[in-house]
Amino acid sequence: MIVLADTELQQRLIDLETRVAFQEHALSELSDALAAARSEEARNSLLLFRALEEIKHMRAALATSPLTGETASEPPPPHY
């Protein structure tokens, strides 16, 4: 068994406390970064959903009438 002097024990304790403090700080930063990434992902998901809905509406409008989106203003086909 190794016997350490009181000053050596104090220094080891200080070193360990320093490491723990550093790890707690790093963990806090990682947690903040993860929260920010999740928030950004949710925002991007909502933006993508809205863009897809807009594209669906535009497709439906173009399917109705490529020029105006209204069937009433479309001229009859040539064979009438």
PDB file of N, CA and C in Angstrom:
ATOM      1  N   MET A   1       0.839  -1.173   0.000  1.00  0.00           N
ATOM      2  CA  MET A   1       0.000   0.000   0.000  1.00  0.00           C
ATOM      3  C   MET A   1       0.889   1.243   0.000  1.00  0.00           C
ATOM      4  N   ILE A   2       0.497   2.187  -0.830  1.00  0.00           N
ATOM      5  CA  ILE A   2       1.277   3.416  -0.940  1.00  0.00           C
ATOM      6  C   ILE A   2       0.643   4.466  -0.042  1.00  0.00           C
ATOM      7  N   VAL A   3       1.454   5.093   0.746  1.00  0.00           N
ATOM      8  CA  VAL A   3       0.979   6.146   1.633  1.00  0.00           C
ATOM      9  C   VAL A   3       1.371   7.474   1.007  1.00  0.00           C
ATOM     10  N   LEU A   4       0.367   8.329   0.818  1.00  0.00           N
ATOM     11  CA  LEU A   4       0.621   9.630   0.211  1.00  0.00           C
ATOM     12  C   LEU A   4       0.605  10.709   1.276  1.00  0.00           C
ATOM     13  N   ALA A   5       1.387  11.696   1.046  1.00  0.00           N
ATOM     14  CA  ALA A   5       1.435  12.824   1.969  1.00  0.00           C
ATOM     15  C   ALA A   5       0.149  13.636   1.837  1.00  0.00           C
ATOM     16  N   ASP A   6      -0.125  14.402   2.854  1.00  0.00           N
ATOM     17  CA  ASP A   6      -1.338  15.212   2.894  1.00  0.00           C
ATOM     18  C   ASP A   6      -1.403  16.168   1.701  1.00  0.00           C
ATOM     19  N   THR A   7      -0.307  16.769   1.310  1.00  0.00           N
ATOM     20  CA  THR A   7      -0.288  17.703   0.182  1.00  0.00           C
ATOM     21  C   THR A   7      -0.541  16.970  -1.134  1.00  0.00           C
ATOM     22  N   GLU A   8      -0.042  15.740  -1.245  1.00  0.00           N
ATOM     23  CA  GLU A   8      -0.277  14.956  -2.464  1.00  0.00           C
ATOM     24  C   GLU A   8      -1.755  14.602  -2.584  1.00  0.00           C
ATOM     25  N   LEU A   9      -2.374  14.236  -1.481  1.00  0.00           N
ATOM     26  CA  LEU A   9      -3.803  13.932  -1.492  1.00  0.00           C
ATOM     27  C   LEU A   9      -4.622  15.162  -1.864  1.00  0.00           C
ATOM     28  N   GLN A  10      -4.234  16.289  -1.315  1.00  0.00           N
ATOM     29  CA  GLN A  10      -4.944  17.518  -1.646  1.00  0.00           C
ATOM     30  C   GLN A  10      -4.813  17.847  -3.126  1.00  0.00           C
ATOM     31  N   GLN A  11      -3.626  17.644  -3.676  1.00  0.00           N
ATOM     32  CA  GLN A  11      -3.406  17.935  -5.095  1.00  0.00           C
ATOM     33  C   GLN A  11      -4.224  16.984  -5.969  1.00  0.00           C
ATOM     34  N   ARG A  12      -4.271  15.706  -5.601  1.00  0.00           N
ATOM     35  CA  ARG A  12      -5.074  14.735  -6.354  1.00  0.00           C
ATOM     36  C   ARG A  12      -6.548  15.106  -6.289  1.00  0.00           C
ATOM     37  N   LEU A  13      -7.005  15.535  -5.136  1.00  0.00           N
ATOM     38  CA  LEU A  13      -8.394  15.943  -4.975  1.00  0.00           C
ATOM     39  C   LEU A  13      -8.698  17.172  -5.841  1.00  0.00           C
ATOM     40  N   ILE A  14      -7.782  18.117  -5.858  1.00  0.00           N
ATOM     41  CA  ILE A  14      -7.954  19.317  -6.686  1.00  0.00           C
ATOM     42  C   ILE A  14      -8.008  18.924  -8.164  1.00  0.00           C
ATOM     43  N   ASP A  15      -7.119  18.025  -8.583  1.00  0.00           N
ATOM     44  CA  ASP A  15      -7.104  17.556  -9.975  1.00  0.00           C
ATOM     45  C   ASP A  15      -8.425  16.880 -10.346  1.00  0.00           C
ATOM     46  N   LEU A  16      -8.915  16.027  -9.467  1.00  0.00           N
ATOM     47  CA  LEU A  16     -10.176  15.340  -9.735  1.00  0.00           C
ATOM     48  C   LEU A  16     -11.352  16.319  -9.788  1.00  0.00           C
ATOM     49  N   GLU A  17     -11.369  17.276  -8.902  1.00  0.00           N
ATOM     50  CA  GLU A  17     -12.436  18.276  -8.915  1.00  0.00           C
ATOM     51  C   GLU A  17     -12.383  19.115 -10.186  1.00  0.00           C
ATOM     52  N   THR A  18     -11.179  19.411 -10.648  1.00  0.00           N
ATOM     53  CA  THR A  18     -11.010  20.168 -11.882  1.00  0.00           C
ATOM     54  C   THR A  18     -11.552  19.375 -13.067  1.00  0.00           C
ATOM     55  N   ARG A  19     -11.232  18.087 -13.120  1.00  0.00           N
ATOM     56  CA  ARG A  19     -11.727  17.227 -14.201  1.00  0.00           C
ATOM     57  C   ARG A  19     -13.250  17.145 -14.185  1.00  0.00           C
ATOM     58  N   VAL A  20     -13.819  16.973 -13.013  1.00  0.00           N
ATOM     59  CA  VAL A  20     -15.275  16.886 -12.894  1.00  0.00           C
ATOM     60  C   VAL A  20     -15.919  18.198 -13.350  1.00  0.00           C
ATOM     61  N   ALA A  21     -15.356  19.310 -12.943  1.00  0.00           N
ATOM     62  CA  ALA A  21     -15.900  20.608 -13.349  1.00  0.00           C
ATOM     63  C   ALA A  21     -15.838  20.767 -14.864  1.00  0.00           C
ATOM     64  N   PHE A  22     -14.721  20.357 -15.469  1.00  0.00           N
ATOM     65  CA  PHE A  22     -14.572  20.438 -16.918  1.00  0.00           C
ATOM     66  C   PHE A  22     -15.601  19.547 -17.608  1.00  0.00           C
ATOM     67  N   GLN A  23     -15.780  18.330 -17.116  1.00  0.00           N
ATOM     68  CA  GLN A  23     -16.730  17.399 -17.714  1.00  0.00           C
ATOM     69  C   GLN A  23     -18.169  17.907 -17.566  1.00  0.00           C
ATOM     70  N   GLU A  24     -18.494  18.502 -16.424  1.00  0.00           N
ATOM     71  CA  GLU A  24     -19.833  19.068 -16.244  1.00  0.00           C
ATOM     72  C   GLU A  24     -20.072  20.210 -17.224  1.00  0.00           C
ATOM     73  N   HIS A  25     -19.059  21.028 -17.422  1.00  0.00           N
ATOM     74  CA  HIS A  25     -19.181  22.132 -18.376  1.00  0.00           C
ATOM     75  C   HIS A  25     -19.358  21.589 -19.796  1.00  0.00           C
ATOM     76  N   ALA A  26     -18.562  20.605 -20.169  1.00  0.00           N
ATOM     77  CA  ALA A  26     -18.665  20.020 -21.505  1.00  0.00           C
ATOM     78  C   ALA A  26     -20.030  19.363 -21.701  1.00  0.00           C
ATOM     79  N   LEU A  27     -20.520  18.683 -20.693  1.00  0.00           N
ATOM     80  CA  LEU A  27     -21.826  18.047 -20.762  1.00  0.00           C
ATOM     81  C   LEU A  27     -22.930  19.086 -20.934  1.00  0.00           C
ATOM     82  N   SER A  28     -22.815  20.188 -20.237  1.00  0.00           N
ATOM     83  CA  SER A  28     -23.792  21.269 -20.363  1.00  0.00           C
ATOM     84  C   SER A  28     -23.784  21.849 -21.779  1.00  0.00           C
ATOM     85  N   GLU A  29     -22.600  22.053 -22.342  1.00  0.00           N
ATOM     86  CA  GLU A  29     -22.500  22.569 -23.704  1.00  0.00           C
ATOM     87  C   GLU A  29     -23.092  21.587 -24.709  1.00  0.00           C
ATOM     88  N   LEU A  30     -22.836  20.297 -24.527  1.00  0.00           N
ATOM     89  CA  LEU A  30     -23.402  19.285 -25.416  1.00  0.00           C
ATOM     90  C   LEU A  30     -24.921  19.253 -25.312  1.00  0.00           C
ATOM     91  N   SER A  31     -25.429  19.384 -24.108  1.00  0.00           N
ATOM     92  CA  SER A  31     -26.875  19.404 -23.909  1.00  0.00           C
ATOM     93  C   SER A  31     -27.508  20.599 -24.610  1.00  0.00           C
ATOM     94  N   ASP A  32     -26.885  21.755 -24.499  1.00  0.00           N
ATOM     95  CA  ASP A  32     -27.387  22.956 -25.171  1.00  0.00           C
ATOM     96  C   ASP A  32     -27.349  22.790 -26.692  1.00  0.00           C
ATOM     97  N   ALA A  33     -26.267  22.212 -27.190  1.00  0.00           N
ATOM     98  CA  ALA A  33     -26.140  22.003 -28.632  1.00  0.00           C
ATOM     99  C   ALA A  33     -27.202  21.014 -29.131  1.00  0.00           C
ATOM    100  N   LEU A  34     -27.461  19.978 -28.363  1.00  0.00           N
ATOM    101  CA  LEU A  34     -28.481  19.007 -28.743  1.00  0.00           C
ATOM    102  C   LEU A  34     -29.866  19.649 -28.754  1.00  0.00           C
ATOM    103  N   ALA A  35     -30.163  20.456 -27.767  1.00  0.00           N
ATOM    104  CA  ALA A  35     -31.452  21.149 -27.711  1.00  0.00           C
ATOM    105  C   ALA A  35     -31.610  22.082 -28.915  1.00  0.00           C
ATOM    106  N   ALA A  36     -30.552  22.787 -29.274  1.00  0.00           N
ATOM    107  CA  ALA A  36     -30.604  23.688 -30.428  1.00  0.00           C
ATOM    108  C   ALA A  36     -30.804  22.899 -31.726  1.00  0.00           C
ATOM    109  N   ALA A  37     -30.128  21.766 -31.851  1.00  0.00           N
ATOM    110  CA  ALA A  37     -30.267  20.939 -33.052  1.00  0.00           C
ATOM    111  C   ALA A  37     -31.687  20.386 -33.163  1.00  0.00           C
ATOM    112  N   ARG A  38     -32.254  19.964 -32.046  1.00  0.00           N
ATOM    113  CA  ARG A  38     -33.630  19.460 -32.073  1.00  0.00           C
ATOM    114  C   ARG A  38     -34.606  20.565 -32.451  1.00  0.00           C
ATOM    115  N   SER A  39     -34.399  21.749 -31.938  1.00  0.00           N
ATOM    116  CA  SER A  39     -35.264  22.874 -32.271  1.00  0.00           C
ATOM    117  C   SER A  39     -35.165  23.209 -33.758  1.00  0.00           C
ATOM    118  N   GLU A  40     -33.962  23.225 -34.279  1.00  0.00           N
ATOM    119  CA  GLU A  40     -33.760  23.513 -35.701  1.00  0.00           C
ATOM    120  C   GLU A  40     -34.377  22.423 -36.566  1.00  0.00           C
ATOM    121  N   GLU A  41     -34.266  21.182 -36.144  1.00  0.00           N
ATOM    122  CA  GLU A  41     -34.857  20.070 -36.895  1.00  0.00           C
ATOM    123  C   GLU A  41     -36.373  20.200 -36.935  1.00  0.00           C
ATOM    124  N   ALA A  42     -36.983  20.579 -35.825  1.00  0.00           N
ATOM    125  CA  ALA A  42     -38.427  20.757 -35.783  1.00  0.00           C
ATOM    126  C   ALA A  42     -38.851  21.908 -36.703  1.00  0.00           C
ATOM    127  N   ARG A  43     -38.096  22.988 -36.686  1.00  0.00           N
ATOM    128  CA  ARG A  43     -38.397  24.132 -37.553  1.00  0.00           C
ATOM    129  C   ARG A  43     -38.270  23.739 -39.020  1.00  0.00           C
ATOM    130  N   ASN A  44     -37.203  23.025 -39.366  1.00  0.00           N
ATOM    131  CA  ASN A  44     -37.000  22.589 -40.745  1.00  0.00           C
ATOM    132  C   ASN A  44     -38.098  21.626 -41.183  1.00  0.00           C
ATOM    133  N   SER A  45     -38.524  20.766 -40.289  1.00  0.00           N
ATOM    134  CA  SER A  45     -39.594  19.831 -40.598  1.00  0.00           C
ATOM    135  C   SER A  45     -40.883  20.576 -40.904  1.00  0.00           C
ATOM    136  N   LEU A  46     -41.193  21.589 -40.107  1.00  0.00           N
ATOM    137  CA  LEU A  46     -42.390  22.395 -40.340  1.00  0.00           C
ATOM    138  C   LEU A  46     -42.296  23.142 -41.672  1.00  0.00           C
ATOM    139  N   LEU A  47     -41.144  23.717 -41.964  1.00  0.00           N
ATOM    140  CA  LEU A  47     -40.963  24.424 -43.238  1.00  0.00           C
ATOM    141  C   LEU A  47     -41.127  23.478 -44.424  1.00  0.00           C
ATOM    142  N   LEU A  48     -40.586  22.273 -44.319  1.00  0.00           N
ATOM    143  CA  LEU A  48     -40.719  21.285 -45.389  1.00  0.00           C
ATOM    144  C   LEU A  48     -42.177  20.887 -45.568  1.00  0.00           C
ATOM    145  N   PHE A  49     -42.890  20.677 -44.466  1.00  0.00           N
ATOM    146  CA  PHE A  49     -44.303  20.324 -44.537  1.00  0.00           C
ATOM    147  C   PHE A  49     -45.090  21.424 -45.247  1.00  0.00           C
ATOM    148  N   ARG A  50     -44.833  22.679 -44.875  1.00  0.00           N
ATOM    149  CA  ARG A  50     -45.538  23.802 -45.508  1.00  0.00           C
ATOM    150  C   ARG A  50     -45.213  23.898 -46.996  1.00  0.00           C
ATOM    151  N   ALA A  51     -43.952  23.687 -47.358  1.00  0.00           N
ATOM    152  CA  ALA A  51     -43.558  23.747 -48.769  1.00  0.00           C
ATOM    153  C   ALA A  51     -44.244  22.635 -49.560  1.00  0.00           C
ATOM    154  N   LEU A  52     -44.315  21.435 -48.994  1.00  0.00           N
ATOM    155  CA  LEU A  52     -44.981  20.333 -49.686  1.00  0.00           C
ATOM    156  C   LEU A  52     -46.476  20.603 -49.857  1.00  0.00           C
ATOM    157  N   GLU A  53     -47.115  21.188 -48.840  1.00  0.00           N
ATOM    158  CA  GLU A  53     -48.531  21.541 -48.949  1.00  0.00           C
ATOM    159  C   GLU A  53     -48.744  22.582 -50.048  1.00  0.00           C
ATOM    160  N   GLU A  54     -47.858  23.552 -50.120  1.00  0.00           N
ATOM    161  CA  GLU A  54     -47.967  24.572 -51.158  1.00  0.00           C
ATOM    162  C   GLU A  54     -47.792  23.960 -52.543  1.00  0.00           C
ATOM    163  N   ILE A  55     -46.864  23.047 -52.684  1.00  0.00           N
ATOM    164  CA  ILE A  55     -46.655  22.374 -53.971  1.00  0.00           C
ATOM    165  C   ILE A  55     -47.885  21.563 -54.347  1.00  0.00           C
ATOM    166  N   LYS A  56     -48.500  20.873 -53.373  1.00  0.00           N
ATOM    167  CA  LYS A  56     -49.725  20.117 -53.654  1.00  0.00           C
ATOM    168  C   LYS A  56     -50.817  21.039 -54.174  1.00  0.00           C
ATOM    169  N   HIS A  57     -50.982  22.206 -53.534  1.00  0.00           N
ATOM    170  CA  HIS A  57     -52.011  23.156 -53.959  1.00  0.00           C
ATOM    171  C   HIS A  57     -51.709  23.688 -55.363  1.00  0.00           C
ATOM    172  N   MET A  58     -50.455  23.959 -55.631  1.00  0.00           N
ATOM    173  CA  MET A  58     -50.077  24.460 -56.949  1.00  0.00           C
ATOM    174  C   MET A  58     -50.312  23.394 -58.010  1.00  0.00           C
ATOM    175  N   ARG A  59     -50.006  22.140 -57.720  1.00  0.00           N
ATOM    176  CA  ARG A  59     -50.249  21.047 -58.672  1.00  0.00           C
ATOM    177  C   ARG A  59     -51.739  20.913 -58.957  1.00  0.00           C
ATOM    178  N   ALA A  60     -52.543  20.995 -57.904  1.00  0.00           N
ATOM    179  CA  ALA A  60     -53.984  20.881 -58.091  1.00  0.00           C
ATOM    180  C   ALA A  60     -54.497  22.027 -58.956  1.00  0.00           C
ATOM    181  N   ALA A  61     -54.005  23.234 -58.709  1.00  0.00           N
ATOM    182  CA  ALA A  61     -54.423  24.393 -59.494  1.00  0.00           C
ATOM    183  C   ALA A  61     -53.989  24.245 -60.945  1.00  0.00           C
ATOM    184  N   LEU A  62     -52.783  23.771 -61.177  1.00  0.00           N
ATOM    185  CA  LEU A  62     -52.292  23.599 -62.549  1.00  0.00           C
ATOM    186  C   LEU A  62     -53.010  22.463 -63.257  1.00  0.00           C
ATOM    187  N   ALA A  63     -53.424  21.437 -62.529  1.00  0.00           N
ATOM    188  CA  ALA A  63     -54.166  20.332 -63.141  1.00  0.00           C
ATOM    189  C   ALA A  63     -55.537  20.803 -63.592  1.00  0.00           C
ATOM    190  N   THR A  64     -56.111  21.757 -62.876  1.00  0.00           N
ATOM    191  CA  THR A  64     -57.418  22.291 -63.233  1.00  0.00           C
ATOM    192  C   THR A  64     -57.320  23.113 -64.515  1.00  0.00           C
ATOM    193  N   SER A  65     -56.380  24.005 -64.563  1.00  0.00           N
ATOM    194  CA  SER A  65     -56.148  24.831 -65.744  1.00  0.00           C
ATOM    195  C   SER A  65     -54.702  25.301 -65.706  1.00  0.00           C
ATOM    196  N   PRO A  66     -53.900  24.874 -66.662  1.00  0.00           N
ATOM    197  CA  PRO A  66     -52.473  25.248 -66.648  1.00  0.00           C
ATOM    198  C   PRO A  66     -52.221  26.751 -66.663  1.00  0.00           C
ATOM    199  N   LEU A  67     -53.150  27.546 -67.250  1.00  0.00           N
ATOM    200  CA  LEU A  67     -52.895  28.978 -67.356  1.00  0.00           C
ATOM    201  C   LEU A  67     -53.439  29.763 -66.175  1.00  0.00           C
ATOM    202  N   THR A  68     -54.675  29.514 -65.780  1.00  0.00           N
ATOM    203  CA  THR A  68     -55.295  30.362 -64.762  1.00  0.00           C
ATOM    204  C   THR A  68     -55.651  29.618 -63.488  1.00  0.00           C
ATOM    205  N   GLY A  69     -55.776  28.310 -63.558  1.00  0.00           N
ATOM    206  CA  GLY A  69     -56.202  27.551 -62.396  1.00  0.00           C
ATOM    207  C   GLY A  69     -57.706  27.451 -62.287  1.00  0.00           C
ATOM    208  N   GLU A  70     -58.444  28.019 -63.269  1.00  0.00           N
ATOM    209  CA  GLU A  70     -59.903  27.984 -63.261  1.00  0.00           C
ATOM    210  C   GLU A  70     -60.401  27.270 -64.516  1.00  0.00           C
ATOM    211  N   THR A  71     -61.340  26.328 -64.363  1.00  0.00           N
ATOM    212  CA  THR A  71     -61.871  25.602 -65.511  1.00  0.00           C
ATOM    213  C   THR A  71     -62.862  26.432 -66.282  1.00  0.00           C
ATOM    214  N   ALA A  72     -63.538  27.389 -65.648  1.00  0.00           N
ATOM    215  CA  ALA A  72     -64.575  28.181 -66.318  1.00  0.00           C
ATOM    216  C   ALA A  72     -63.988  29.063 -67.423  1.00  0.00           C
ATOM    217  N   SER A  73     -62.775  29.552 -67.258  1.00  0.00           N
ATOM    218  CA  SER A  73     -62.189  30.447 -68.259  1.00  0.00           C
ATOM    219  C   SER A  73     -61.433  29.703 -69.348  1.00  0.00           C
ATOM    220  N   GLU A  74     -61.396  28.400 -69.289  1.00  0.00           N
ATOM    221  CA  GLU A  74     -60.674  27.625 -70.298  1.00  0.00           C
ATOM    222  C   GLU A  74     -61.544  27.466 -71.541  1.00  0.00           C
ATOM    223  N   PRO A  75     -60.988  27.722 -72.721  1.00  0.00           N
ATOM    224  CA  PRO A  75     -61.786  27.579 -73.954  1.00  0.00           C
ATOM    225  C   PRO A  75     -62.104  26.109 -74.207  1.00  0.00           C
ATOM    226  N   PRO A  76     -63.176  25.837 -74.946  1.00  0.00           N
ATOM    227  CA  PRO A  76     -63.520  24.453 -75.237  1.00  0.00           C
ATOM    228  C   PRO A  76     -62.480  23.823 -76.160  1.00  0.00           C
ATOM    229  N   PRO A  77     -62.369  22.524 -76.143  1.00  0.00           N
ATOM    230  CA  PRO A  77     -61.401  21.867 -77.044  1.00  0.00           C
ATOM    231  C   PRO A  77     -61.789  22.104 -78.523  1.00  0.00           C
ATOM    232  N   PRO A  78     -60.812  21.962 -79.440  1.00  0.00           N
ATOM    233  CA  PRO A  78     -61.054  22.286 -80.870  1.00  0.00           C
ATOM    234  C   PRO A  78     -62.108  21.405 -81.535  1.00  0.00           C
ATOM    235  N   HIS A  79     -62.395  20.242 -81.061  1.00  0.00           N
ATOM    236  CA  HIS A  79     -63.327  19.359 -81.774  1.00  0.00           C
ATOM    237  C   HIS A  79     -64.794  19.709 -81.524  1.00  0.00           C
ATOM    238  N   TYR A  80     -65.116  20.755 -80.744  1.00  0.00           N
ATOM    239  CA  TYR A  80     -66.509  21.168 -80.533  1.00  0.00           C
ATOM    240  C   TYR A  80     -66.946  22.113 -81.582  1.00  0.00           C
TER     241      TYR A  80
END
